[in-house]
PDB file of all heavy atoms in Angstrom:
ATOM      1  N   LEU A   1     -80.589  -6.381 -57.927  1.00  0.00           N
ATOM      2  CA  LEU A   1     -79.139  -6.346 -57.887  1.00  0.00           C
ATOM      3  C   LEU A   1     -78.604  -7.566 -57.152  1.00  0.00           C
ATOM      4  O   LEU A   1     -79.188  -8.003 -56.164  1.00  0.00           O
ATOM      5  CB  LEU A   1     -78.650  -5.070 -57.190  1.00  0.00           C
ATOM      6  CG  LEU A   1     -78.942  -3.761 -57.920  1.00  0.00           C
ATOM      7  CD1 LEU A   1     -78.530  -2.590 -57.045  1.00  0.00           C
ATOM      8  CD2 LEU A   1     -78.199  -3.718 -59.253  1.00  0.00           C
ATOM      9  N   PRO A   2     -77.468  -8.111 -57.587  1.00  0.00           N
ATOM     10  CA  PRO A   2     -76.881  -9.234 -56.867  1.00  0.00           C
ATOM     11  C   PRO A   2     -76.364  -8.796 -55.507  1.00  0.00           C
ATOM     12  O   PRO A   2     -75.784  -7.727 -55.365  1.00  0.00           O
ATOM     13  CB  PRO A   2     -75.737  -9.687 -57.786  1.00  0.00           C
ATOM     14  CG  PRO A   2     -75.409  -8.498 -58.628  1.00  0.00           C
ATOM     15  CD  PRO A   2     -76.694  -7.753 -58.798  1.00  0.00           C
ATOM     16  N   ASP A   3     -76.592  -9.619 -54.483  1.00  0.00           N
ATOM     17  CA  ASP A   3     -76.160  -9.247 -53.133  1.00  0.00           C
ATOM     18  C   ASP A   3     -75.586 -10.442 -52.367  1.00  0.00           C
ATOM     19  O   ASP A   3     -75.570 -10.459 -51.144  1.00  0.00           O
ATOM     20  CB  ASP A   3     -77.314  -8.630 -52.347  1.00  0.00           C
ATOM     21  CG  ASP A   3     -78.522  -9.540 -52.224  1.00  0.00           C
ATOM     22  OD1 ASP A   3     -78.442 -10.700 -52.691  1.00  0.00           O
ATOM     23  OD2 ASP A   3     -79.544  -9.106 -51.666  1.00  0.00           O
ATOM     24  N   TYR A   4     -75.121 -11.451 -53.091  1.00  0.00           N
ATOM     25  CA  TYR A   4     -74.510 -12.631 -52.491  1.00  0.00           C
ATOM     26  C   TYR A   4     -72.998 -12.407 -52.555  1.00  0.00           C
ATOM     27  O   TYR A   4     -72.336 -12.690 -53.542  1.00  0.00           O
ATOM     28  CB  TYR A   4     -74.925 -13.858 -53.312  1.00  0.00           C
ATOM     29  CG  TYR A   4     -74.643 -15.207 -52.717  1.00  0.00           C
ATOM     30  CD1 TYR A   4     -75.641 -15.910 -52.039  1.00  0.00           C
ATOM     31  CD2 TYR A   4     -73.404 -15.809 -52.850  1.00  0.00           C
ATOM     32  CE1 TYR A   4     -75.391 -17.171 -51.522  1.00  0.00           C
ATOM     33  CE2 TYR A   4     -73.142 -17.068 -52.337  1.00  0.00           C
ATOM     34  CZ  TYR A   4     -74.149 -17.746 -51.678  1.00  0.00           C
ATOM     35  OH  TYR A   4     -73.907 -18.995 -51.158  1.00  0.00           O
ATOM     36  N   ASP A   5     -72.444 -11.809 -51.470  1.00  0.00           N
ATOM     37  CA  ASP A   5     -71.090 -11.256 -51.512  1.00  0.00           C
ATOM     38  C   ASP A   5     -70.037 -12.247 -51.016  1.00  0.00           C
ATOM     39  O   ASP A   5     -70.210 -12.884 -49.974  1.00  0.00           O
ATOM     40  CB  ASP A   5     -71.007  -9.996 -50.644  1.00  0.00           C
ATOM     41  CG  ASP A   5     -71.876  -8.872 -51.170  1.00  0.00           C
ATOM     42  OD1 ASP A   5     -72.299  -8.948 -52.324  1.00  0.00           O
ATOM     43  OD2 ASP A   5     -72.122  -7.913 -50.415  1.00  0.00           O
ATOM     44  N   VAL A   6     -68.951 -12.341 -51.761  1.00  0.00           N
ATOM     45  CA  VAL A   6     -67.797 -13.142 -51.361  1.00  0.00           C
ATOM     46  C   VAL A   6     -66.523 -12.357 -51.694  1.00  0.00           C
ATOM     47  O   VAL A   6     -66.553 -11.401 -52.464  1.00  0.00           O
ATOM     48  CB  VAL A   6     -67.754 -14.508 -52.080  1.00  0.00           C
ATOM     49  CG1 VAL A   6     -68.977 -15.344 -51.744  1.00  0.00           C
ATOM     50  CG2 VAL A   6     -67.615 -14.324 -53.588  1.00  0.00           C
ATOM     51  N   VAL A   7     -65.428 -12.774 -51.080  1.00  0.00           N
ATOM     52  CA  VAL A   7     -64.123 -12.212 -51.403  1.00  0.00           C
ATOM     53  C   VAL A   7     -63.270 -13.308 -52.027  1.00  0.00           C
ATOM     54  O   VAL A   7     -63.085 -14.376 -51.436  1.00  0.00           O
ATOM     55  CB  VAL A   7     -63.421 -11.648 -50.154  1.00  0.00           C
ATOM     56  CG1 VAL A   7     -61.988 -11.237 -50.497  1.00  0.00           C
ATOM     57  CG2 VAL A   7     -64.187 -10.449 -49.605  1.00  0.00           C
ATOM     58  N   LEU A   8     -62.780 -13.047 -53.222  1.00  0.00           N
ATOM     59  CA  LEU A   8     -61.889 -13.975 -53.911  1.00  0.00           C
ATOM     60  C   LEU A   8     -60.447 -13.529 -53.689  1.00  0.00           C
ATOM     61  O   LEU A   8     -60.105 -12.377 -53.954  1.00  0.00           O
ATOM     62  CB  LEU A   8     -62.166 -13.995 -55.417  1.00  0.00           C
ATOM     63  CG  LEU A   8     -63.617 -14.183 -55.884  1.00  0.00           C
ATOM     64  CD1 LEU A   8     -63.652 -14.222 -57.418  1.00  0.00           C
ATOM     65  CD2 LEU A   8     -64.219 -15.425 -55.295  1.00  0.00           C
ATOM     66  N   THR A   9     -59.615 -14.420 -53.190  1.00  0.00           N
ATOM     67  CA  THR A   9     -58.173 -14.155 -53.166  1.00  0.00           C
ATOM     68  C   THR A   9     -57.593 -14.740 -54.443  1.00  0.00           C
ATOM     69  O   THR A   9     -57.682 -15.957 -54.681  1.00  0.00           O
ATOM     70  CB  THR A   9     -57.512 -14.802 -51.938  1.00  0.00           C
ATOM     71  OG1 THR A   9     -58.113 -14.260 -50.757  1.00  0.00           O
ATOM     72  CG2 THR A   9     -56.021 -14.508 -51.920  1.00  0.00           C
ATOM     73  N   VAL A  10     -57.038 -13.862 -55.293  1.00  0.00           N
ATOM     74  CA  VAL A  10     -56.594 -14.281 -56.624  1.00  0.00           C
ATOM     75  C   VAL A  10     -55.105 -14.003 -56.805  1.00  0.00           C
ATOM     76  O   VAL A  10     -54.556 -13.050 -56.246  1.00  0.00           O
ATOM     77  CB  VAL A  10     -57.404 -13.567 -57.732  1.00  0.00           C
ATOM     78  CG1 VAL A  10     -58.878 -13.918 -57.631  1.00  0.00           C
ATOM     79  CG2 VAL A  10     -57.228 -12.053 -57.655  1.00  0.00           C
ATOM     80  N   ARG A  11     -54.476 -14.863 -57.602  1.00  0.00           N
ATOM     81  CA  ARG A  11     -53.052 -14.729 -57.932  1.00  0.00           C
ATOM     82  C   ARG A  11     -52.920 -14.543 -59.430  1.00  0.00           C
ATOM     83  O   ARG A  11     -53.496 -15.313 -60.207  1.00  0.00           O
ATOM     84  CB  ARG A  11     -52.277 -15.971 -57.490  1.00  0.00           C
ATOM     85  CG  ARG A  11     -50.757 -15.876 -57.678  1.00  0.00           C
ATOM     86  CD  ARG A  11     -50.129 -17.196 -57.270  1.00  0.00           C
ATOM     87  NE  ARG A  11     -48.675 -17.112 -57.161  1.00  0.00           N
ATOM     88  CZ  ARG A  11     -47.819 -17.249 -58.180  1.00  0.00           C
ATOM     89  NH1 ARG A  11     -48.277 -17.466 -59.412  1.00  0.00           N
ATOM     90  NH2 ARG A  11     -46.514 -17.149 -57.976  1.00  0.00           N
ATOM     91  N   ASN A  12     -52.224 -13.490 -59.813  1.00  0.00           N
ATOM     92  CA  ASN A  12     -52.002 -13.215 -61.232  1.00  0.00           C
ATOM     93  C   ASN A  12     -50.534 -12.897 -61.482  1.00  0.00           C
ATOM     94  O   ASN A  12     -49.836 -12.385 -60.598  1.00  0.00           O
ATOM     95  CB  ASN A  12     -52.834 -12.019 -61.705  1.00  0.00           C
ATOM     96  CG  ASN A  12     -54.274 -12.384 -61.966  1.00  0.00           C
ATOM     97  OD1 ASN A  12     -55.154 -11.998 -61.208  1.00  0.00           O
ATOM     98  ND2 ASN A  12     -54.536 -13.126 -63.029  1.00  0.00           N
ATOM     99  N   ALA A  13     -50.116 -13.175 -62.710  1.00  0.00           N
ATOM    100  CA  ALA A  13     -48.768 -12.797 -63.124  1.00  0.00           C
ATOM    101  C   ALA A  13     -48.683 -11.270 -63.250  1.00  0.00           C
ATOM    102  O   ALA A  13     -49.678 -10.590 -63.507  1.00  0.00           O
ATOM    103  CB  ALA A  13     -48.420 -13.445 -64.461  1.00  0.00           C
ATOM    104  N   GLN A  14     -47.462 -10.762 -63.051  1.00  0.00           N
ATOM    105  CA  GLN A  14     -47.232  -9.319 -63.169  1.00  0.00           C
ATOM    106  C   GLN A  14     -47.087  -8.950 -64.639  1.00  0.00           C
ATOM    107  O   GLN A  14     -46.005  -8.681 -65.141  1.00  0.00           O
ATOM    108  CB  GLN A  14     -45.954  -8.929 -62.401  1.00  0.00           C
ATOM    109  CG  GLN A  14     -46.182  -8.736 -60.920  1.00  0.00           C
ATOM    110  CD  GLN A  14     -46.782  -7.359 -60.612  1.00  0.00           C
ATOM    111  OE1 GLN A  14     -47.565  -6.840 -61.403  1.00  0.00           O
ATOM    112  NE2 GLN A  14     -46.435  -6.799 -59.483  1.00  0.00           N
ATOM    113  N   ARG A  15     -48.241  -8.930 -65.325  1.00  0.00           N
ATOM    114  CA  ARG A  15     -48.254  -8.528 -66.733  1.00  0.00           C
ATOM    115  C   ARG A  15     -49.428  -7.601 -66.968  1.00  0.00           C
ATOM    116  O   ARG A  15     -50.478  -7.738 -66.329  1.00  0.00           O
ATOM    117  CB  ARG A  15     -48.382  -9.756 -67.648  1.00  0.00           C
ATOM    118  CG  ARG A  15     -47.237 -10.735 -67.561  1.00  0.00           C
ATOM    119  CD  ARG A  15     -47.163 -11.593 -68.837  1.00  0.00           C
ATOM    120  NE  ARG A  15     -48.434 -12.192 -69.180  1.00  0.00           N
ATOM    121  CZ  ARG A  15     -48.851 -13.382 -68.739  1.00  0.00           C
ATOM    122  NH1 ARG A  15     -48.095 -14.074 -67.894  1.00  0.00           N
ATOM    123  NH2 ARG A  15     -50.017 -13.871 -69.112  1.00  0.00           N
ATOM    124  N   PRO A  16     -49.282  -6.662 -67.889  1.00  0.00           N
ATOM    125  CA  PRO A  16     -50.379  -5.744 -68.182  1.00  0.00           C
ATOM    126  C   PRO A  16     -51.628  -6.501 -68.630  1.00  0.00           C
ATOM    127  O   PRO A  16     -51.538  -7.503 -69.361  1.00  0.00           O
ATOM    128  CB  PRO A  16     -49.829  -4.864 -69.307  1.00  0.00           C
ATOM    129  CG  PRO A  16     -48.347  -4.940 -69.156  1.00  0.00           C
ATOM    130  CD  PRO A  16     -48.063  -6.331 -68.674  1.00  0.00           C
ATOM    131  N   GLY A  17     -52.797  -6.012 -68.200  1.00  0.00           N
ATOM    132  CA  GLY A  17     -54.074  -6.556 -68.657  1.00  0.00           C
ATOM    133  C   GLY A  17     -54.604  -7.722 -67.859  1.00  0.00           C
ATOM    134  O   GLY A  17     -55.748  -8.151 -68.096  1.00  0.00           O
ATOM    135  N   MET A  18     -53.844  -8.243 -66.901  1.00  0.00           N
ATOM    136  CA  MET A  18     -54.300  -9.423 -66.175  1.00  0.00           C
ATOM    137  C   MET A  18     -55.517  -9.110 -65.304  1.00  0.00           C
ATOM    138  O   MET A  18     -56.509  -9.841 -65.328  1.00  0.00           O
ATOM    139  CB  MET A  18     -53.165  -9.968 -65.311  1.00  0.00           C
ATOM    140  CG  MET A  18     -51.938 -10.418 -66.099  1.00  0.00           C
ATOM    141  SD  MET A  18     -52.325 -11.769 -67.238  1.00  0.00           S
ATOM    142  CE  MET A  18     -52.554 -13.104 -66.077  1.00  0.00           C
ATOM    143  N   ILE A  19     -55.445  -8.024 -64.534  1.00  0.00           N
ATOM    144  CA  ILE A  19     -56.573  -7.687 -63.671  1.00  0.00           C
ATOM    145  C   ILE A  19     -57.764  -7.225 -64.509  1.00  0.00           C
ATOM    146  O   ILE A  19     -58.928  -7.509 -64.193  1.00  0.00           O
ATOM    147  CB  ILE A  19     -56.175  -6.627 -62.631  1.00  0.00           C
ATOM    148  CG1 ILE A  19     -57.280  -6.466 -61.587  1.00  0.00           C
ATOM    149  CG2 ILE A  19     -55.875  -5.291 -63.282  1.00  0.00           C
ATOM    150  CD1 ILE A  19     -57.481  -7.658 -60.711  1.00  0.00           C
ATOM    151  N   GLY A  20     -57.501  -6.552 -65.624  1.00  0.00           N
ATOM    152  CA  GLY A  20     -58.586  -6.126 -66.504  1.00  0.00           C
ATOM    153  C   GLY A  20     -59.336  -7.305 -67.078  1.00  0.00           C
ATOM    154  O   GLY A  20     -60.569  -7.290 -67.169  1.00  0.00           O
ATOM    155  N   ALA A  21     -58.607  -8.352 -67.470  1.00  0.00           N
ATOM    156  CA  ALA A  21     -59.252  -9.552 -68.006  1.00  0.00           C
ATOM    157  C   ALA A  21     -60.128 -10.213 -66.945  1.00  0.00           C
ATOM    158  O   ALA A  21     -61.242 -10.671 -67.235  1.00  0.00           O
ATOM    159  CB  ALA A  21     -58.188 -10.524 -68.509  1.00  0.00           C
ATOM    160  N   LEU A  22     -59.615 -10.268 -65.734  1.00  0.00           N
ATOM    161  CA  LEU A  22     -60.384 -10.871 -64.647  1.00  0.00           C
ATOM    162  C   LEU A  22     -61.685 -10.108 -64.410  1.00  0.00           C
ATOM    163  O   LEU A  22     -62.770 -10.709 -64.350  1.00  0.00           O
ATOM    164  CB  LEU A  22     -59.543 -10.883 -63.366  1.00  0.00           C
ATOM    165  CG  LEU A  22     -60.276 -11.232 -62.068  1.00  0.00           C
ATOM    166  CD1 LEU A  22     -60.798 -12.652 -62.113  1.00  0.00           C
ATOM    167  CD2 LEU A  22     -59.364 -11.013 -60.868  1.00  0.00           C
ATOM    168  N   LEU A  23     -61.593  -8.779 -64.293  1.00  0.00           N
ATOM    169  CA  LEU A  23     -62.784  -7.995 -64.025  1.00  0.00           C
ATOM    170  C   LEU A  23     -63.771  -8.051 -65.183  1.00  0.00           C
ATOM    171  O   LEU A  23     -64.991  -8.045 -64.983  1.00  0.00           O
ATOM    172  CB  LEU A  23     -62.394  -6.543 -63.735  1.00  0.00           C
ATOM    173  CG  LEU A  23     -61.445  -6.320 -62.544  1.00  0.00           C
ATOM    174  CD1 LEU A  23     -61.214  -4.828 -62.317  1.00  0.00           C
ATOM    175  CD2 LEU A  23     -61.985  -6.970 -61.284  1.00  0.00           C
ATOM    176  N   GLY A  24     -63.247  -8.126 -66.393  1.00  0.00           N
ATOM    177  CA  GLY A  24     -64.118  -8.225 -67.558  1.00  0.00           C
ATOM    178  C   GLY A  24     -64.939  -9.494 -67.555  1.00  0.00           C
ATOM    179  O   GLY A  24     -66.141  -9.474 -67.837  1.00  0.00           O
ATOM    180  N   VAL A  25     -64.322 -10.624 -67.217  1.00  0.00           N
ATOM    181  CA  VAL A  25     -65.044 -11.904 -67.186  1.00  0.00           C
ATOM    182  C   VAL A  25     -66.106 -11.888 -66.088  1.00  0.00           C
ATOM    183  O   VAL A  25     -67.229 -12.366 -66.282  1.00  0.00           O
ATOM    184  CB  VAL A  25     -64.051 -13.071 -66.989  1.00  0.00           C
ATOM    185  CG1 VAL A  25     -64.791 -14.346 -66.614  1.00  0.00           C
ATOM    186  CG2 VAL A  25     -63.244 -13.277 -68.254  1.00  0.00           C
ATOM    187  N   ILE A  26     -65.762 -11.314 -64.933  1.00  0.00           N
ATOM    188  CA  ILE A  26     -66.747 -11.235 -63.842  1.00  0.00           C
ATOM    189  C   ILE A  26     -67.972 -10.445 -64.298  1.00  0.00           C
ATOM    190  O   ILE A  26     -69.119 -10.862 -64.103  1.00  0.00           O
ATOM    191  CB  ILE A  26     -66.116 -10.589 -62.598  1.00  0.00           C
ATOM    192  CG1 ILE A  26     -65.038 -11.504 -62.011  1.00  0.00           C
ATOM    193  CG2 ILE A  26     -67.181 -10.285 -61.543  1.00  0.00           C
ATOM    194  CD1 ILE A  26     -64.212 -10.867 -60.904  1.00  0.00           C
ATOM    195  N   GLY A  27     -67.736  -9.296 -64.950  1.00  0.00           N
ATOM    196  CA  GLY A  27     -68.842  -8.482 -65.427  1.00  0.00           C
ATOM    197  C   GLY A  27     -69.630  -9.144 -66.535  1.00  0.00           C
ATOM    198  O   GLY A  27     -70.866  -9.058 -66.567  1.00  0.00           O
ATOM    199  N   GLU A  28     -68.949  -9.817 -67.452  1.00  0.00           N
ATOM    200  CA  GLU A  28     -69.632 -10.486 -68.559  1.00  0.00           C
ATOM    201  C   GLU A  28     -70.589 -11.573 -68.076  1.00  0.00           C
ATOM    202  O   GLU A  28     -71.586 -11.873 -68.742  1.00  0.00           O
ATOM    203  CB  GLU A  28     -68.600 -11.093 -69.510  1.00  0.00           C
ATOM    204  CG  GLU A  28     -67.849 -10.064 -70.339  1.00  0.00           C
ATOM    205  CD  GLU A  28     -66.647 -10.670 -71.042  1.00  0.00           C
ATOM    206  OE1 GLU A  28     -66.492 -11.903 -70.971  1.00  0.00           O
ATOM    207  OE2 GLU A  28     -65.869  -9.909 -71.638  1.00  0.00           O
ATOM    208  N   HIS A  29     -70.303 -12.141 -66.927  1.00  0.00           N
ATOM    209  CA  HIS A  29     -71.157 -13.204 -66.389  1.00  0.00           C
ATOM    210  C   HIS A  29     -72.144 -12.686 -65.340  1.00  0.00           C
ATOM    211  O   HIS A  29     -72.699 -13.468 -64.572  1.00  0.00           O
ATOM    212  CB  HIS A  29     -70.298 -14.332 -65.822  1.00  0.00           C
ATOM    213  CG  HIS A  29     -69.658 -15.161 -66.902  1.00  0.00           C
ATOM    214  ND1 HIS A  29     -70.223 -16.318 -67.396  1.00  0.00           N
ATOM    215  CD2 HIS A  29     -68.517 -14.964 -67.612  1.00  0.00           C
ATOM    216  CE1 HIS A  29     -69.451 -16.814 -68.347  1.00  0.00           C
ATOM    217  NE2 HIS A  29     -68.398 -16.009 -68.503  1.00  0.00           N
ATOM    218  N   GLY A  30     -72.385 -11.368 -65.326  1.00  0.00           N
ATOM    219  CA  GLY A  30     -73.491 -10.807 -64.568  1.00  0.00           C
ATOM    220  C   GLY A  30     -73.246 -10.531 -63.108  1.00  0.00           C
ATOM    221  O   GLY A  30     -74.190 -10.241 -62.368  1.00  0.00           O
ATOM    222  N   ALA A  31     -71.999 -10.600 -62.662  1.00  0.00           N
ATOM    223  CA  ALA A  31     -71.698 -10.294 -61.266  1.00  0.00           C
ATOM    224  C   ALA A  31     -71.140  -8.882 -61.142  1.00  0.00           C
ATOM    225  O   ALA A  31     -70.706  -8.282 -62.127  1.00  0.00           O
ATOM    226  CB  ALA A  31     -70.715 -11.316 -60.696  1.00  0.00           C
ATOM    227  N   LEU A  32     -71.135  -8.358 -59.947  1.00  0.00           N
ATOM    228  CA  LEU A  32     -70.604  -7.034 -59.675  1.00  0.00           C
ATOM    229  C   LEU A  32     -69.276  -7.148 -58.933  1.00  0.00           C
ATOM    230  O   LEU A  32     -69.072  -8.072 -58.146  1.00  0.00           O
ATOM    231  CB  LEU A  32     -71.576  -6.213 -58.830  1.00  0.00           C
ATOM    232  CG  LEU A  32     -72.938  -5.891 -59.454  1.00  0.00           C
ATOM    233  CD1 LEU A  32     -73.780  -5.094 -58.461  1.00  0.00           C
ATOM    234  CD2 LEU A  32     -72.778  -5.114 -60.749  1.00  0.00           C
ATOM    235  N   VAL A  33     -68.405  -6.178 -59.151  1.00  0.00           N
ATOM    236  CA  VAL A  33     -67.123  -6.112 -58.458  1.00  0.00           C
ATOM    237  C   VAL A  33     -67.169  -4.972 -57.457  1.00  0.00           C
ATOM    238  O   VAL A  33     -67.580  -3.853 -57.791  1.00  0.00           O
ATOM    239  CB  VAL A  33     -65.957  -5.904 -59.441  1.00  0.00           C
ATOM    240  CG1 VAL A  33     -64.647  -5.725 -58.685  1.00  0.00           C
ATOM    241  CG2 VAL A  33     -65.866  -7.079 -60.407  1.00  0.00           C
ATOM    242  N   GLY A  34     -66.757  -5.270 -56.218  1.00  0.00           N
ATOM    243  CA  GLY A  34     -66.688  -4.249 -55.189  1.00  0.00           C
ATOM    244  C   GLY A  34     -65.251  -3.851 -54.910  1.00  0.00           C
ATOM    245  O   GLY A  34     -64.503  -3.491 -55.821  1.00  0.00           O
ATOM    246  N   ASP A  35     -64.841  -3.951 -53.669  1.00  0.00           N
ATOM    247  CA  ASP A  35     -63.492  -3.540 -53.278  1.00  0.00           C
ATOM    248  C   ASP A  35     -62.426  -4.456 -53.886  1.00  0.00           C
ATOM    249  O   ASP A  35     -62.629  -5.670 -54.036  1.00  0.00           O
ATOM    250  CB  ASP A  35     -63.348  -3.572 -51.754  1.00  0.00           C
ATOM    251  CG  ASP A  35     -64.212  -2.523 -51.065  1.00  0.00           C
ATOM    252  OD1 ASP A  35     -64.580  -1.546 -51.740  1.00  0.00           O
ATOM    253  OD2 ASP A  35     -64.514  -2.703 -49.882  1.00  0.00           O
ATOM    254  N   ILE A  36     -61.288  -3.854 -54.212  1.00  0.00           N
ATOM    255  CA  ILE A  36     -60.112  -4.605 -54.666  1.00  0.00           C
ATOM    256  C   ILE A  36     -58.943  -4.178 -53.784  1.00  0.00           C
ATOM    257  O   ILE A  36     -58.609  -2.997 -53.715  1.00  0.00           O
ATOM    258  CB  ILE A  36     -59.794  -4.323 -56.143  1.00  0.00           C
ATOM    259  CG1 ILE A  36     -60.992  -4.693 -57.031  1.00  0.00           C
ATOM    260  CG2 ILE A  36     -58.548  -5.087 -56.577  1.00  0.00           C
ATOM    261  CD1 ILE A  36     -60.801  -4.317 -58.490  1.00  0.00           C
ATOM    262  N   GLU A  37     -58.342  -5.119 -53.100  1.00  0.00           N
ATOM    263  CA  GLU A  37     -57.248  -4.825 -52.181  1.00  0.00           C
ATOM    264  C   GLU A  37     -56.027  -5.674 -52.531  1.00  0.00           C
ATOM    265  O   GLU A  37     -56.126  -6.898 -52.629  1.00  0.00           O
ATOM    266  CB  GLU A  37     -57.667  -5.109 -50.734  1.00  0.00           C
ATOM    267  CG  GLU A  37     -56.577  -4.816 -49.714  1.00  0.00           C
ATOM    268  CD  GLU A  37     -57.004  -5.132 -48.300  1.00  0.00           C
ATOM    269  OE1 GLU A  37     -58.176  -5.507 -48.089  1.00  0.00           O
ATOM    270  OE2 GLU A  37     -56.152  -5.019 -47.396  1.00  0.00           O
ATOM    271  N   THR A  38     -54.905  -5.013 -52.750  1.00  0.00           N
ATOM    272  CA  THR A  38     -53.663  -5.727 -53.030  1.00  0.00           C
ATOM    273  C   THR A  38     -53.069  -6.244 -51.720  1.00  0.00           C
ATOM    274  O   THR A  38     -52.798  -5.468 -50.808  1.00  0.00           O
ATOM    275  CB  THR A  38     -52.657  -4.814 -53.736  1.00  0.00           C
ATOM    276  OG1 THR A  38     -53.233  -4.353 -54.963  1.00  0.00           O
ATOM    277  CG2 THR A  38     -51.366  -5.565 -54.033  1.00  0.00           C
ATOM    278  N   ARG A  39     -52.866  -7.540 -51.647  1.00  0.00           N
ATOM    279  CA  ARG A  39     -52.335  -8.148 -50.423  1.00  0.00           C
ATOM    280  C   ARG A  39     -50.822  -8.389 -50.498  1.00  0.00           C
ATOM    281  O   ARG A  39     -50.134  -8.357 -49.497  1.00  0.00           O
ATOM    282  CB  ARG A  39     -53.039  -9.490 -50.160  1.00  0.00           C
ATOM    283  CG  ARG A  39     -54.522  -9.359 -49.850  1.00  0.00           C
ATOM    284  CD  ARG A  39     -55.128 -10.696 -49.530  1.00  0.00           C
ATOM    285  NE  ARG A  39     -54.403 -11.364 -48.443  1.00  0.00           N
ATOM    286  CZ  ARG A  39     -54.593 -12.633 -48.082  1.00  0.00           C
ATOM    287  NH1 ARG A  39     -55.480 -13.367 -48.735  1.00  0.00           N
ATOM    288  NH2 ARG A  39     -53.901 -13.157 -47.092  1.00  0.00           N
ATOM    289  N   TYR A  40     -50.307  -8.624 -51.734  1.00  0.00           N
ATOM    290  CA  TYR A  40     -48.886  -8.950 -51.863  1.00  0.00           C
ATOM    291  C   TYR A  40     -48.450  -8.648 -53.288  1.00  0.00           C
ATOM    292  O   TYR A  40     -49.164  -8.949 -54.254  1.00  0.00           O
ATOM    293  CB  TYR A  40     -48.644 -10.430 -51.548  1.00  0.00           C
ATOM    294  CG  TYR A  40     -47.221 -10.893 -51.790  1.00  0.00           C
ATOM    295  CD1 TYR A  40     -46.202 -10.604 -50.877  1.00  0.00           C
ATOM    296  CD2 TYR A  40     -46.884 -11.616 -52.935  1.00  0.00           C
ATOM    297  CE1 TYR A  40     -44.901 -11.018 -51.100  1.00  0.00           C
ATOM    298  CE2 TYR A  40     -45.591 -12.040 -53.166  1.00  0.00           C
ATOM    299  CZ  TYR A  40     -44.604 -11.736 -52.244  1.00  0.00           C
ATOM    300  OH  TYR A  40     -43.307 -12.151 -52.474  1.00  0.00           O
ATOM    301  N   VAL A  41     -47.290  -8.052 -53.420  1.00  0.00           N
ATOM    302  CA  VAL A  41     -46.698  -7.816 -54.735  1.00  0.00           C
ATOM    303  C   VAL A  41     -45.334  -8.494 -54.758  1.00  0.00           C
ATOM    304  O   VAL A  41     -44.425  -8.123 -53.997  1.00  0.00           O
ATOM    305  CB  VAL A  41     -46.551  -6.309 -55.030  1.00  0.00           C
ATOM    306  CG1 VAL A  41     -45.879  -6.109 -56.394  1.00  0.00           C
ATOM    307  CG2 VAL A  41     -47.908  -5.615 -54.981  1.00  0.00           C
TER     308      VAL A  41
END
């Protein structure tokens, strides 16, 4: 299992599917997603 952990601070537009697209690309390239925390809306 991958265990090289980092936290990405990401900015996305307020549109449906943006976070889903991001998580999909991360998974497609073999990485795992852990906690997701909203910092600002």
